[in-house]
Amino acid sequence: MENIFCVTEYGASSNNEKIKTKAIQRAIDACRDFGGGRVTIPSGKYLVGSLRLYSNITLYLESGAYLLGSQRLEDYQDFNVPTSIKYLHNDFYIKSWNLPAYYFYAMITAFKAENVAIIGEPGSVIDGADVFDPNGEEKFRGPMGIIMSGVKNLKLAGYTFQNSANWSHTLDGCEDVEIERVTLKAGHDGFNLHHSENIIVSDCCLETGDDCFAGYDIHNLLVKRCWLNTACNSMRIGGVNLIFNDCTFLGPGVYPHLSEATHYTHAIFKFYSIDADDITENAENITINNCIIDDADRLFFYDYGKKELMQNHVPLRSLTLSNARVSGIRHTSPFLGNGENCILTLENVTINHASEEAFLKIDESIKLVLKNVIFELPTKIIVGNTSLLFSKQVNLEIE
């Protein structure tokens, strides 16, 4: 039988304005000292700063449990946990983004742990409270929501995370991750997966102010049956064997991009390959399959070598869009290898492109494969300096 540690037995009474961090941490520490088990948060509102989880611990939020982030920055800490994300130590990005030395601090943290879980019953909420930090990123972002760093065998399920003051989930260097039935509302990025591998994300609803999925050097990611709505990019990613199946990508964002105060979706896929970090392999085998895509500025944004786009480390080698319907794309999608070869495949795709702009622009580095692509309206694709017009069903390879 699982060992259960209820936070109310350690002094964490609910529904008042007193901070509960120490009381909840006492329950977590007791669970750790006993060798692991379940730390239960009953129904009620609990004001917290930074909590730290350890191996073999499940943080379990019962229905009605509400963890609310404190507005006081002194209630948070980074636990001196190192991160595998190296741009934090790069002078260019520190200056460009105003990154503080304590950048990776959060409401909930685990480091170099195994068998960690955060499970929520329906109606459980973690609220980042949009905590303001004048010394934080962009001079306003506060703590992250959840940081899992170097965690193996991680499960996240069932809860809602809202109003994250920075990324809601930072999973760096994690292995064997299962995320299911998690709802994200407002705030910044949804799931950041830098240097992580073997990840399955299913049946989640993401309505984010920044990128839904982000990260580079990701290996073996499967995202299935998810709803992605954003005021930034649906995915800003790079890695190997990244698959999005049976998902809906729909703009504009329900919640605003907090830096720009806009709602429009920037791009469905934007490549991510930053020069200030270690990336082990060229990005390839990225697939978007059996998905509905509607209302975004661009379908793709790839312009290899551009530092301002953070696309100047390893290149992209292959991307496939298959069994999909695409509509409501407003601007031309650049897909430019700039000397690095890449294969872009569109297979069994229906495109309704009402914009007067070209749908896609590629250069001589890109091999474009169109297999049973149906253009419902006359649609331009720019190949180098040549503009081609397509309509109806097309099967063609352009090199």
Protein backbone atom coordinates (compact mmCIF):
# COMPACT_ATOMS: atom_id res chain seq x y z
CA MET A 1 0.00 0.00 0.00
CA GLU A 2 1.26 3.47 -0.91
CA ASN A 3 2.42 5.71 1.93
CA ILE A 4 0.20 8.82 2.08
CA PHE A 5 1.25 12.13 3.61
CA CYS A 6 -1.55 14.70 3.76
CA VAL A 7 -0.27 18.27 3.91
CA THR A 8 -2.96 19.32 6.41
CA GLU A 9 -1.39 16.95 8.94
CA TYR A 10 1.80 18.99 8.67
CA GLY A 11 0.18 22.37 9.29
CA ALA A 12 -1.00 23.38 5.82
CA SER A 13 -4.49 24.72 6.51
CA SER A 14 -6.29 26.12 3.48
CA ASN A 15 -8.25 29.21 2.53
CA ASN A 16 -6.36 31.96 4.29
CA GLU A 17 -3.65 34.37 3.21
CA LYS A 18 -0.77 32.80 5.13
CA ILE A 19 2.05 31.21 3.11
CA LYS A 20 1.97 27.38 3.24
CA THR A 21 5.32 26.58 1.65
CA LYS A 22 7.05 25.31 4.81
CA ALA A 23 4.13 23.17 5.92
CA ILE A 24 3.75 21.51 2.51
CA GLN A 25 7.52 21.05 2.26
CA ARG A 26 7.47 19.30 5.65
CA ALA A 27 5.03 16.76 4.23
CA ILE A 28 7.22 16.31 1.14
CA ASP A 29 10.37 15.88 3.24
CA ALA A 30 8.64 13.35 5.50
CA CYS A 31 7.60 11.39 2.43
CA ARG A 32 11.18 11.50 1.12
CA ASP A 33 12.62 10.35 4.45
CA PHE A 34 10.17 7.44 4.53
CA GLY A 35 11.40 6.30 1.09
CA GLY A 36 8.64 7.82 -1.03
CA GLY A 37 4.89 7.78 -1.44
CA ARG A 38 2.05 10.21 -2.07
CA VAL A 39 1.85 13.77 -0.78
CA THR A 40 -1.81 14.77 -0.90
CA ILE A 41 -3.19 18.29 -1.29
CA PRO A 42 -6.87 18.29 -0.22
CA SER A 43 -9.50 20.66 -1.58
CA GLY A 44 -8.82 24.27 -0.67
CA LYS A 45 -6.55 27.17 -1.61
CA TYR A 46 -2.90 27.09 -0.55
CA LEU A 47 -0.56 30.04 -1.03
CA VAL A 48 2.96 28.82 -1.84
CA GLY A 49 6.40 29.85 -3.01
CA SER A 50 8.96 27.24 -4.11
CA LEU A 51 8.47 23.54 -3.33
CA ARG A 52 10.98 20.77 -4.04
CA LEU A 53 10.09 17.19 -4.91
CA TYR A 54 12.36 14.14 -4.67
CA SER A 55 12.57 10.61 -6.04
CA ASN A 56 9.64 8.24 -5.63
CA ILE A 57 7.20 11.01 -4.69
CA THR A 58 3.79 11.74 -6.19
CA LEU A 59 2.35 15.18 -5.51
CA TYR A 60 -1.39 14.47 -5.64
CA LEU A 61 -3.93 17.28 -5.93
CA GLU A 62 -7.45 16.27 -5.00
CA SER A 63 -10.44 17.85 -6.73
CA GLY A 64 -10.71 21.46 -5.62
CA ALA A 65 -7.06 21.71 -4.57
CA TYR A 66 -5.66 25.09 -5.62
CA LEU A 67 -1.95 25.95 -5.33
CA LEU A 68 -1.59 29.71 -5.75
CA GLY A 69 1.79 31.31 -6.33
CA SER A 70 2.86 33.97 -3.86
CA GLN A 71 3.33 37.50 -5.18
CA ARG A 72 6.40 37.94 -2.95
CA LEU A 73 9.60 37.11 -4.82
CA GLU A 74 11.37 36.30 -1.54
CA ASP A 75 9.09 33.24 -1.25
CA TYR A 76 10.84 31.62 -4.22
CA GLN A 77 14.25 30.00 -4.64
CA ASP A 78 16.18 28.04 -7.25
CA PHE A 79 17.54 25.42 -4.77
CA ASN A 80 20.93 25.92 -6.49
CA VAL A 81 19.75 23.43 -9.11
CA PRO A 82 21.93 23.57 -12.23
CA THR A 83 20.31 23.44 -15.65
CA SER A 84 21.34 21.80 -18.91
CA ILE A 85 20.19 24.92 -20.80
CA LYS A 86 23.46 26.71 -21.47
CA TYR A 87 22.31 29.97 -23.03
CA LEU A 88 21.71 31.15 -19.46
CA HIS A 89 25.49 31.63 -19.28
CA ASN A 90 25.86 33.29 -22.69
CA ASP A 91 26.52 37.04 -22.56
CA PHE A 92 24.59 37.74 -25.77
CA TYR A 93 21.35 36.17 -24.54
CA ILE A 94 21.75 37.40 -20.98
CA LYS A 95 21.86 40.94 -22.30
CA SER A 96 19.25 40.51 -25.05
CA TRP A 97 16.62 38.95 -22.80
CA ASN A 98 17.67 40.40 -19.43
CA LEU A 99 18.22 36.95 -17.89
CA PRO A 100 18.88 36.98 -14.13
CA ALA A 101 21.34 34.53 -12.57
CA TYR A 102 18.42 32.90 -10.73
CA TYR A 103 16.45 32.42 -13.98
CA PHE A 104 15.49 28.79 -13.30
CA TYR A 105 13.40 29.16 -10.17
CA ALA A 106 9.86 27.86 -9.93
CA MET A 107 6.80 26.95 -7.88
CA ILE A 108 7.67 23.22 -8.05
CA THR A 109 11.15 21.80 -8.72
CA ALA A 110 12.80 18.39 -8.88
CA PHE A 111 16.43 17.66 -9.82
CA LYS A 112 18.29 14.43 -10.58
CA ALA A 113 15.36 12.39 -9.33
CA GLU A 114 13.50 9.27 -10.45
CA ASN A 115 9.85 8.23 -10.39
CA VAL A 116 8.38 11.66 -9.83
CA ALA A 117 4.73 12.49 -10.54
CA ILE A 118 2.34 15.42 -10.26
CA ILE A 119 -1.22 14.13 -10.54
CA GLY A 120 -4.38 16.19 -10.33
CA GLU A 121 -7.98 15.14 -10.05
CA PRO A 122 -10.49 17.06 -12.21
CA GLY A 123 -10.88 20.57 -10.81
CA SER A 124 -7.36 20.82 -9.37
CA VAL A 125 -5.41 23.96 -10.26
CA ILE A 126 -1.87 25.29 -10.04
CA ASP A 127 -1.87 29.08 -10.55
CA GLY A 128 1.34 30.98 -11.22
CA ALA A 129 -0.47 34.26 -10.49
CA ASP A 130 1.48 36.15 -13.20
CA VAL A 131 4.09 37.05 -10.58
CA PHE A 132 5.96 40.19 -11.61
CA ASP A 133 9.76 40.38 -11.34
CA PRO A 134 11.29 43.69 -12.47
CA ASN A 135 14.71 41.98 -12.62
CA GLY A 136 13.43 38.92 -14.46
CA GLU A 137 13.44 38.01 -18.14
CA GLU A 138 12.28 40.97 -20.26
CA LYS A 139 12.14 42.89 -16.95
CA PHE A 140 8.78 41.47 -15.98
CA ARG A 141 8.72 37.65 -16.06
CA GLY A 142 8.64 35.90 -12.71
CA PRO A 143 9.26 32.30 -11.65
CA MET A 144 8.71 29.26 -13.84
CA GLY A 145 5.78 27.03 -13.02
CA ILE A 146 7.25 23.52 -12.82
CA ILE A 147 10.94 22.70 -13.35
CA MET A 148 11.94 19.07 -13.77
CA SER A 149 15.69 18.89 -14.41
CA GLY A 150 17.40 15.59 -15.09
CA VAL A 151 14.36 13.62 -13.93
CA LYS A 152 13.83 10.02 -15.10
CA ASN A 153 10.41 8.40 -15.25
CA LEU A 154 8.25 11.48 -14.87
CA LYS A 155 4.44 11.60 -15.02
CA LEU A 156 2.26 14.72 -15.16
CA ALA A 157 -1.50 14.30 -15.39
CA GLY A 158 -4.92 15.74 -14.78
CA TYR A 159 -4.39 19.25 -13.40
CA THR A 160 -4.80 22.74 -14.85
CA PHE A 161 -1.85 25.11 -14.81
CA GLN A 162 -2.76 28.75 -15.39
CA ASN A 163 -1.17 32.21 -15.37
CA SER A 164 2.40 30.96 -15.30
CA ALA A 165 4.76 33.88 -14.68
CA ASN A 166 7.24 32.32 -17.13
CA TRP A 167 7.31 28.89 -18.80
CA SER A 168 4.69 26.69 -17.17
CA HIS A 169 6.72 23.46 -17.60
CA THR A 170 10.50 23.34 -17.94
CA LEU A 171 11.66 19.78 -18.56
CA ASP A 172 15.38 19.87 -19.27
CA GLY A 173 17.44 16.71 -19.57
CA CYS A 174 14.51 14.48 -18.63
CA GLU A 175 13.96 10.88 -19.78
CA ASP A 176 10.84 8.74 -20.08
CA VAL A 177 8.16 11.36 -19.63
CA GLU A 178 4.38 10.84 -19.76
CA ILE A 179 2.06 13.85 -19.82
CA GLU A 180 -1.69 13.38 -20.15
CA ARG A 181 -4.89 15.37 -19.63
CA VAL A 182 -3.07 18.53 -18.57
CA THR A 183 -4.73 21.87 -19.32
CA LEU A 184 -2.67 25.04 -19.74
CA LYS A 185 -4.23 28.51 -19.68
CA ALA A 186 -2.55 31.87 -20.32
CA GLY A 187 0.94 32.72 -19.11
CA HIS A 188 3.94 31.96 -21.31
CA ASP A 189 5.32 28.74 -22.85
CA GLY A 190 3.53 25.46 -22.30
CA PHE A 191 6.01 22.56 -22.41
CA ASN A 192 9.74 23.30 -22.81
CA LEU A 193 11.58 20.05 -23.52
CA HIS A 194 15.24 20.97 -24.02
CA HIS A 195 17.64 17.98 -24.08
CA SER A 196 14.82 15.59 -23.11
CA GLU A 197 13.93 12.23 -24.64
CA ASN A 198 11.25 9.57 -24.83
CA ILE A 199 8.25 11.79 -24.20
CA ILE A 200 4.55 11.10 -24.77
CA VAL A 201 2.03 13.94 -24.47
CA SER A 202 -1.63 13.02 -24.93
CA ASP A 203 -5.10 14.52 -24.58
CA CYS A 204 -3.86 17.91 -23.38
CA CYS A 205 -5.40 21.33 -23.97
CA LEU A 206 -2.88 24.14 -24.44
CA GLU A 207 -4.10 27.73 -24.61
CA THR A 208 -0.87 29.66 -24.10
CA GLY A 209 0.39 33.20 -24.41
CA ASP A 210 3.72 32.00 -25.79
CA ASP A 211 4.91 28.83 -27.57
CA CYS A 212 2.82 25.73 -26.85
CA PHE A 213 5.84 23.43 -27.28
CA ALA A 214 9.43 24.63 -27.25
CA GLY A 215 12.88 23.14 -27.04
CA TYR A 216 15.85 21.83 -28.98
CA ASP A 217 17.88 18.61 -28.83
CA ILE A 218 14.64 16.71 -28.18
CA HIS A 219 14.65 13.00 -29.01
CA ASN A 220 11.58 10.80 -29.51
CA LEU A 221 8.58 12.99 -28.82
CA LEU A 222 5.01 11.90 -29.54
CA VAL A 223 2.22 14.44 -29.11
CA LYS A 224 -1.25 13.03 -29.76
CA ARG A 225 -4.85 14.19 -29.52
CA CYS A 226 -3.93 17.64 -28.23
CA TRP A 227 -5.51 21.06 -28.73
CA LEU A 228 -2.95 23.79 -29.42
CA ASN A 229 -3.99 27.43 -29.27
CA THR A 230 -1.40 30.17 -28.91
CA ALA A 231 -0.58 33.84 -29.33
CA CYS A 232 2.92 32.82 -30.45
CA ASN A 233 4.11 29.57 -32.10
CA SER A 234 2.38 26.22 -31.83
CA MET A 235 5.82 24.64 -31.75
CA ARG A 236 9.28 26.17 -31.71
CA ILE A 237 11.29 22.97 -31.68
CA GLY A 238 14.23 21.01 -32.99
CA GLY A 239 15.33 17.43 -32.53
CA VAL A 240 15.00 13.90 -33.86
CA ASN A 241 11.83 11.83 -34.24
CA LEU A 242 9.26 14.42 -33.21
CA ILE A 243 5.68 13.48 -34.10
CA PHE A 244 2.41 15.39 -33.71
CA ASN A 245 -0.57 13.12 -34.40
CA ASP A 246 -4.31 13.82 -34.39
CA CYS A 247 -3.92 17.37 -33.08
CA THR A 248 -5.83 20.57 -33.72
CA PHE A 249 -3.89 23.80 -34.25
CA LEU A 250 -6.21 26.78 -34.03
CA GLY A 251 -5.62 30.53 -33.78
CA PRO A 252 -5.90 33.23 -32.70
CA GLY A 253 -4.75 32.81 -29.12
CA VAL A 254 -7.46 32.89 -26.48
CA TYR A 255 -4.91 34.54 -24.17
CA PRO A 256 -2.52 37.34 -25.20
CA HIS A 257 1.20 37.29 -25.80
CA LEU A 258 2.26 39.18 -22.69
CA SER A 259 5.29 40.87 -24.29
CA GLU A 260 3.41 42.12 -27.35
CA ALA A 261 -0.22 42.32 -26.19
CA THR A 262 -1.32 40.50 -29.36
CA HIS A 263 -3.40 37.36 -29.93
CA TYR A 264 -2.50 36.18 -33.45
CA THR A 265 -0.71 32.84 -33.92
CA HIS A 266 2.74 33.43 -35.39
CA ALA A 267 3.58 30.03 -36.93
CA ILE A 268 2.53 26.42 -36.57
CA PHE A 269 6.12 25.14 -36.87
CA LYS A 270 9.16 27.30 -36.16
CA PHE A 271 12.58 25.71 -36.08
CA TYR A 272 14.71 26.03 -32.93
CA SER A 273 18.47 25.48 -32.99
CA ILE A 274 20.25 27.96 -30.74
CA ASP A 275 24.00 28.46 -31.08
CA ALA A 276 24.68 28.86 -27.35
CA ASP A 277 23.90 25.30 -26.31
CA ASP A 278 24.98 21.71 -27.01
CA ILE A 279 22.90 19.99 -29.69
CA THR A 280 24.02 16.47 -30.50
CA GLU A 281 22.43 15.77 -33.91
CA ASN A 282 20.93 17.44 -36.95
CA ALA A 283 17.17 17.83 -36.65
CA GLU A 284 15.19 15.31 -38.71
CA ASN A 285 12.11 13.14 -38.89
CA ILE A 286 9.74 15.83 -37.65
CA THR A 287 6.18 14.90 -38.62
CA ILE A 288 2.79 16.60 -38.32
CA ASN A 289 0.17 13.97 -39.19
CA ASN A 290 -3.60 13.79 -39.33
CA CYS A 291 -4.03 17.30 -37.98
CA ILE A 292 -6.33 20.28 -38.55
CA ILE A 293 -4.57 23.63 -38.92
CA ASP A 294 -6.42 26.94 -39.12
CA ASP A 295 -5.71 30.65 -38.63
CA ALA A 296 -2.03 31.50 -38.32
CA ASP A 297 0.34 34.00 -39.88
CA ARG A 298 2.57 31.23 -41.22
CA LEU A 299 2.51 27.48 -41.49
CA PHE A 300 6.31 27.12 -41.29
CA PHE A 301 9.18 29.43 -40.38
CA TYR A 302 12.61 28.04 -41.26
CA ASP A 303 15.46 30.30 -42.32
CA TYR A 304 18.61 28.45 -41.40
CA GLY A 305 21.60 30.37 -40.10
CA LYS A 306 19.73 33.35 -38.67
CA LYS A 307 20.86 34.12 -35.13
CA GLU A 308 17.93 36.44 -34.50
CA LEU A 309 15.62 33.47 -35.13
CA MET A 310 17.72 31.11 -32.97
CA GLN A 311 18.16 28.85 -36.03
CA ASN A 312 21.95 28.97 -36.31
CA HIS A 313 23.25 25.74 -34.78
CA VAL A 314 22.51 22.36 -36.41
CA PRO A 315 20.24 22.44 -39.51
CA LEU A 316 16.90 20.79 -40.20
CA ARG A 317 17.07 17.79 -42.55
CA SER A 318 13.46 16.63 -42.94
CA LEU A 319 9.93 17.75 -42.11
CA THR A 320 6.70 16.04 -43.18
CA LEU A 321 3.12 17.29 -43.12
CA SER A 322 0.66 14.50 -43.92
CA ASN A 323 -3.06 13.75 -43.86
CA ALA A 324 -3.87 17.30 -42.87
CA ARG A 325 -6.15 20.18 -43.71
CA VAL A 326 -4.61 23.67 -43.73
CA SER A 327 -6.57 26.92 -43.93
CA GLY A 328 -6.35 30.52 -42.79
CA ILE A 329 -2.62 31.03 -43.37
CA ARG A 330 -2.12 34.76 -43.95
CA HIS A 331 1.53 35.19 -44.97
CA THR A 332 4.23 33.38 -46.92
CA SER A 333 6.00 30.59 -45.06
CA PRO A 334 9.78 30.79 -45.59
CA PHE A 335 11.46 27.39 -45.76
CA LEU A 336 15.06 28.21 -46.57
CA GLY A 337 18.05 25.92 -46.07
CA ASN A 338 20.57 28.58 -47.11
CA GLY A 339 23.02 25.94 -48.30
CA GLU A 340 21.96 23.10 -45.96
CA ASN A 341 19.85 20.44 -47.67
CA CYS A 342 16.43 19.56 -46.29
CA ILE A 343 13.43 17.57 -47.54
CA LEU A 344 9.99 19.12 -47.05
CA THR A 345 7.19 16.65 -47.76
CA LEU A 346 3.47 17.43 -48.02
CA GLU A 347 1.42 14.26 -48.48
CA ASN A 348 -2.37 13.90 -48.57
CA VAL A 349 -2.78 17.54 -47.58
CA THR A 350 -5.69 19.81 -48.46
CA ILE A 351 -4.81 23.50 -48.58
CA ASN A 352 -7.27 26.37 -48.65
CA HIS A 353 -5.07 29.43 -49.12
CA ALA A 354 -7.13 32.58 -49.61
CA SER A 355 -4.28 35.03 -49.10
CA GLU A 356 -2.86 36.93 -52.09
CA GLU A 357 0.63 36.19 -50.79
CA ALA A 358 2.50 33.06 -51.81
CA PHE A 359 1.81 30.09 -49.58
CA LEU A 360 5.43 28.92 -49.41
CA LYS A 361 8.90 30.09 -50.39
CA ILE A 362 11.81 27.66 -50.74
CA ASP A 363 15.38 27.95 -51.96
CA GLU A 364 17.68 25.61 -53.89
CA SER A 365 18.64 23.77 -50.67
CA ILE A 366 15.12 22.41 -50.24
CA LYS A 367 13.67 19.36 -51.94
CA LEU A 368 9.90 19.86 -51.99
CA VAL A 369 7.80 16.71 -52.34
CA LEU A 370 4.08 17.14 -53.03
CA LYS A 371 2.08 13.88 -52.93
CA ASN A 372 -1.65 14.14 -53.46
CA VAL A 373 -1.78 17.76 -52.34
CA ILE A 374 -5.11 19.42 -53.11
CA PHE A 375 -5.11 23.20 -53.53
CA GLU A 376 -8.73 24.31 -53.20
CA LEU A 377 -7.82 27.78 -54.52
CA PRO A 378 -5.08 28.85 -56.96
CA THR A 379 -1.97 29.01 -54.79
CA LYS A 380 1.52 30.39 -55.39
CA ILE A 381 4.73 28.73 -54.28
CA ILE A 382 8.00 30.57 -54.81
CA VAL A 383 10.97 28.41 -55.78
CA GLY A 384 14.11 30.52 -55.80
CA ASN A 385 13.19 33.49 -57.97
CA THR A 386 10.37 31.67 -59.77
CA SER A 387 6.72 31.86 -58.82
CA LEU A 388 4.67 28.72 -59.55
CA LEU A 389 0.88 28.57 -59.49
CA PHE A 390 -0.88 25.41 -58.34
CA SER A 391 -4.51 24.38 -58.30
CA LYS A 392 -6.47 21.19 -57.73
CA GLN A 393 -4.52 17.98 -57.09
CA VAL A 394 -0.75 18.04 -57.42
CA ASN A 395 1.92 15.31 -57.37
CA LEU A 396 5.36 16.79 -57.92
CA GLU A 397 8.94 16.85 -56.70
CA ILE A 398 10.98 20.05 -56.89
CA GLU A 399 14.73 19.98 -56.29
